[in-house]
Amino acid sequence: QVQLIESGGGLVHPGGALNLSCVASGTLIYIWDMGWFRQAPGKQRALVARIVRKTDDANYSDSVGGRFTMTRDVAKNTVYLQMNDLGIENTDIYYCNANYLSAEHWGQGAQVTVYT
């Protein structure tokens, strides 16, 4: 059974940083397109960053503007999302996603709250 477990969410002030982690079990992250999505209440999930399967190629939504970096540690079966210079607009629940063809898995989500 595939499981994705996020951690690293929390409360920060504007300009702060957080590093989200997503550990996979029951599968190897290398074979999946791994992504981070965000979701606000009542809205659809939106892609923040993605690493293409079997590569180290990462792509990002325009909104993160070079402030976020997604990386993958195959040995630890973990993906990360380093988020720098956070703003109030980055407050959301962040979800880890594994996707390939018609198969897809989600983590339980990590709350990120940026407050003044």
C-alpha atoms as a PDB file:
ATOM      1  CA  GLN A   1       0.000   0.000   0.000  1.00  0.00           C
ATOM      2  CA  VAL A   2       1.401   3.359  -1.040  1.00  0.00           C
ATOM      3  CA  GLN A   3       1.539   6.022   1.655  1.00  0.00           C
ATOM      4  CA  LEU A   4       2.829   9.562   1.537  1.00  0.00           C
ATOM      5  CA  ILE A   5       3.483  11.263   4.860  1.00  0.00           C
ATOM      6  CA  GLU A   6       4.118  15.014   4.961  1.00  0.00           C
ATOM      7  CA  SER A   7       5.793  16.930   7.740  1.00  0.00           C
ATOM      8  CA  GLY A   8       7.385  20.303   8.312  1.00  0.00           C
ATOM      9  CA  GLY A   9       4.383  22.577   8.193  1.00  0.00           C
ATOM     10  CA  GLY A  10       3.898  25.256  10.810  1.00  0.00           C
ATOM     11  CA  LEU A  11       3.506  28.903  11.704  1.00  0.00           C
ATOM     12  CA  VAL A  12       5.879  31.569  10.430  1.00  0.00           C
ATOM     13  CA  HIS A  13       5.982  35.333  10.023  1.00  0.00           C
ATOM     14  CA  PRO A  14       6.227  36.952   6.584  1.00  0.00           C
ATOM     15  CA  GLY A  15       9.700  36.533   5.201  1.00  0.00           C
ATOM     16  CA  GLY A  16      10.187  33.281   7.080  1.00  0.00           C
ATOM     17  CA  ALA A  17      10.973  29.832   5.697  1.00  0.00           C
ATOM     18  CA  LEU A  18       9.738  26.282   6.058  1.00  0.00           C
ATOM     19  CA  ASN A  19      10.954  22.985   4.646  1.00  0.00           C
ATOM     20  CA  LEU A  20       8.251  20.430   3.931  1.00  0.00           C
ATOM     21  CA  SER A  21       9.118  16.738   3.707  1.00  0.00           C
ATOM     22  CA  CYS A  22       7.183  13.872   2.147  1.00  0.00           C
ATOM     23  CA  VAL A  23       8.276  10.326   2.931  1.00  0.00           C
ATOM     24  CA  ALA A  24       6.916   7.560   0.729  1.00  0.00           C
ATOM     25  CA  SER A  25       6.326   3.962   1.776  1.00  0.00           C
ATOM     26  CA  GLY A  26       5.135   1.017  -0.281  1.00  0.00           C
ATOM     27  CA  THR A  27       6.746   2.393  -3.425  1.00  0.00           C
ATOM     28  CA  LEU A  28       9.846   4.111  -4.783  1.00  0.00           C
ATOM     29  CA  ILE A  29       9.483   7.822  -5.464  1.00  0.00           C
ATOM     30  CA  TYR A  30      11.821   7.586  -8.445  1.00  0.00           C
ATOM     31  CA  ILE A  31       9.176   5.911 -10.591  1.00  0.00           C
ATOM     32  CA  TRP A  32       6.575   8.638 -10.004  1.00  0.00           C
ATOM     33  CA  ASP A  33       6.103  12.238 -11.004  1.00  0.00           C
ATOM     34  CA  MET A  34       6.282  13.748  -7.524  1.00  0.00           C
ATOM     35  CA  GLY A  35       4.539  17.022  -6.831  1.00  0.00           C
ATOM     36  CA  TRP A  36       3.561  19.517  -4.171  1.00  0.00           C
ATOM     37  CA  PHE A  37       0.103  21.050  -4.347  1.00  0.00           C
ATOM     38  CA  ARG A  38      -1.634  23.665  -2.245  1.00  0.00           C
ATOM     39  CA  GLN A  39      -5.279  24.009  -1.376  1.00  0.00           C
ATOM     40  CA  ALA A  40      -7.306  26.730   0.295  1.00  0.00           C
ATOM     41  CA  PRO A  41     -10.731  26.039   1.794  1.00  0.00           C
ATOM     42  CA  GLY A  42     -13.355  25.723  -0.924  1.00  0.00           C
ATOM     43  CA  LYS A  43     -10.825  25.823  -3.734  1.00  0.00           C
ATOM     44  CA  GLN A  44      -9.231  23.236  -5.984  1.00  0.00           C
ATOM     45  CA  ARG A  45      -5.743  21.985  -5.382  1.00  0.00           C
ATOM     46  CA  ALA A  46      -3.136  23.860  -7.366  1.00  0.00           C
ATOM     47  CA  LEU A  47       0.291  22.672  -8.404  1.00  0.00           C
ATOM     48  CA  VAL A  48       3.215  24.357  -6.681  1.00  0.00           C
ATOM     49  CA  ALA A  49       6.147  22.261  -7.874  1.00  0.00           C
ATOM     50  CA  ARG A  50       6.842  18.939  -9.572  1.00  0.00           C
ATOM     51  CA  ILE A  51       9.821  16.684 -10.239  1.00  0.00           C
ATOM     52  CA  VAL A  52       9.451  14.500 -13.307  1.00  0.00           C
ATOM     53  CA  ARG A  53       9.925  10.773 -12.786  1.00  0.00           C
ATOM     54  CA  LYS A  54      13.356   9.310 -13.368  1.00  0.00           C
ATOM     55  CA  THR A  55      14.875  12.778 -13.738  1.00  0.00           C
ATOM     56  CA  ASP A  56      15.936  15.636 -11.538  1.00  0.00           C
ATOM     57  CA  ASP A  57      13.950  18.121 -13.589  1.00  0.00           C
ATOM     58  CA  ALA A  58      11.799  20.341 -11.387  1.00  0.00           C
ATOM     59  CA  ASN A  59       9.228  22.852 -12.543  1.00  0.00           C
ATOM     60  CA  TYR A  60       7.306  25.419 -10.554  1.00  0.00           C
ATOM     61  CA  SER A  61       4.178  27.502 -10.662  1.00  0.00           C
ATOM     62  CA  ASP A  62       4.735  31.135 -11.601  1.00  0.00           C
ATOM     63  CA  SER A  63       3.566  32.244  -8.161  1.00  0.00           C
ATOM     64  CA  VAL A  64       6.553  30.817  -6.289  1.00  0.00           C
ATOM     65  CA  GLY A  65       8.890  33.082  -8.229  1.00  0.00           C
ATOM     66  CA  GLY A  66      12.153  31.327  -7.443  1.00  0.00           C
ATOM     67  CA  ARG A  67      11.449  31.325  -3.705  1.00  0.00           C
ATOM     68  CA  PHE A  68      10.622  27.610  -3.527  1.00  0.00           C
ATOM     69  CA  THR A  69      12.895  24.677  -4.319  1.00  0.00           C
ATOM     70  CA  MET A  70      11.766  21.087  -4.687  1.00  0.00           C
ATOM     71  CA  THR A  71      14.306  18.314  -4.285  1.00  0.00           C
ATOM     72  CA  ARG A  72      14.310  14.538  -4.092  1.00  0.00           C
ATOM     73  CA  ASP A  73      16.437  12.160  -2.016  1.00  0.00           C
ATOM     74  CA  VAL A  74      16.082   8.739  -3.592  1.00  0.00           C
ATOM     75  CA  ALA A  75      18.047   7.023  -0.809  1.00  0.00           C
ATOM     76  CA  LYS A  76      15.587   8.357   1.782  1.00  0.00           C
ATOM     77  CA  ASN A  77      12.583   7.936  -0.538  1.00  0.00           C
ATOM     78  CA  THR A  78      11.681  11.509   0.323  1.00  0.00           C
ATOM     79  CA  VAL A  79      10.865  14.716  -1.510  1.00  0.00           C
ATOM     80  CA  TYR A  80      11.230  18.178  -0.022  1.00  0.00           C
ATOM     81  CA  LEU A  81       9.857  21.627  -0.643  1.00  0.00           C
ATOM     82  CA  GLN A  82      12.056  24.395   0.681  1.00  0.00           C
ATOM     83  CA  MET A  83       9.946  27.536   0.925  1.00  0.00           C
ATOM     84  CA  ASN A  84      11.727  30.842   1.466  1.00  0.00           C
ATOM     85  CA  ASP A  85      10.489  34.415   1.853  1.00  0.00           C
ATOM     86  CA  LEU A  86       6.999  33.266   2.655  1.00  0.00           C
ATOM     87  CA  GLY A  87       4.093  35.668   2.418  1.00  0.00           C
ATOM     88  CA  ILE A  88       0.611  35.640   3.879  1.00  0.00           C
ATOM     89  CA  GLU A  89      -0.644  34.527   0.468  1.00  0.00           C
ATOM     90  CA  ASN A  90       1.261  31.257   0.888  1.00  0.00           C
ATOM     91  CA  THR A  91      -1.005  30.190   3.759  1.00  0.00           C
ATOM     92  CA  ASP A  92      -2.663  26.907   2.754  1.00  0.00           C
ATOM     93  CA  ILE A  93      -2.597  23.176   3.238  1.00  0.00           C
ATOM     94  CA  TYR A  94       0.212  21.637   1.191  1.00  0.00           C
ATOM     95  CA  TYR A  95      -0.160  18.140  -0.194  1.00  0.00           C
ATOM     96  CA  CYS A  96       2.393  15.692  -1.521  1.00  0.00           C
ATOM     97  CA  ASN A  97       1.375  13.872  -4.696  1.00  0.00           C
ATOM     98  CA  ALA A  98       2.665  10.865  -6.630  1.00  0.00           C
ATOM     99  CA  ASN A  99       1.331  10.513 -10.133  1.00  0.00           C
ATOM    100  CA  TYR A 100       1.977   8.336 -13.160  1.00  0.00           C
ATOM    101  CA  LEU A 101      -0.463   7.625 -15.959  1.00  0.00           C
ATOM    102  CA  SER A 102      -3.779   6.763 -14.271  1.00  0.00           C
ATOM    103  CA  ALA A 103      -2.341   6.043 -10.831  1.00  0.00           C
ATOM    104  CA  GLU A 104      -2.231   8.756  -8.184  1.00  0.00           C
ATOM    105  CA  HIS A 105      -1.619   9.029  -4.443  1.00  0.00           C
ATOM    106  CA  TRP A 106      -1.926  11.895  -1.983  1.00  0.00           C
ATOM    107  CA  GLY A 107      -0.568  12.603   1.436  1.00  0.00           C
ATOM    108  CA  GLN A 108      -2.682  13.845   4.302  1.00  0.00           C
ATOM    109  CA  GLY A 109      -1.504  17.451   3.975  1.00  0.00           C
ATOM    110  CA  ALA A 110       0.634  19.848   5.978  1.00  0.00           C
ATOM    111  CA  GLN A 111      -0.710  23.180   7.193  1.00  0.00           C
ATOM    112  CA  VAL A 112       1.397  26.225   6.405  1.00  0.00           C
ATOM    113  CA  THR A 113       0.315  29.448   8.077  1.00  0.00           C
ATOM    114  CA  VAL A 114       2.037  32.785   7.525  1.00  0.00           C
ATOM    115  CA  TYR A 115       0.830  35.451   9.943  1.00  0.00           C
ATOM    116  CA  THR A 116       1.727  38.952  11.070  1.00  0.00           C
END
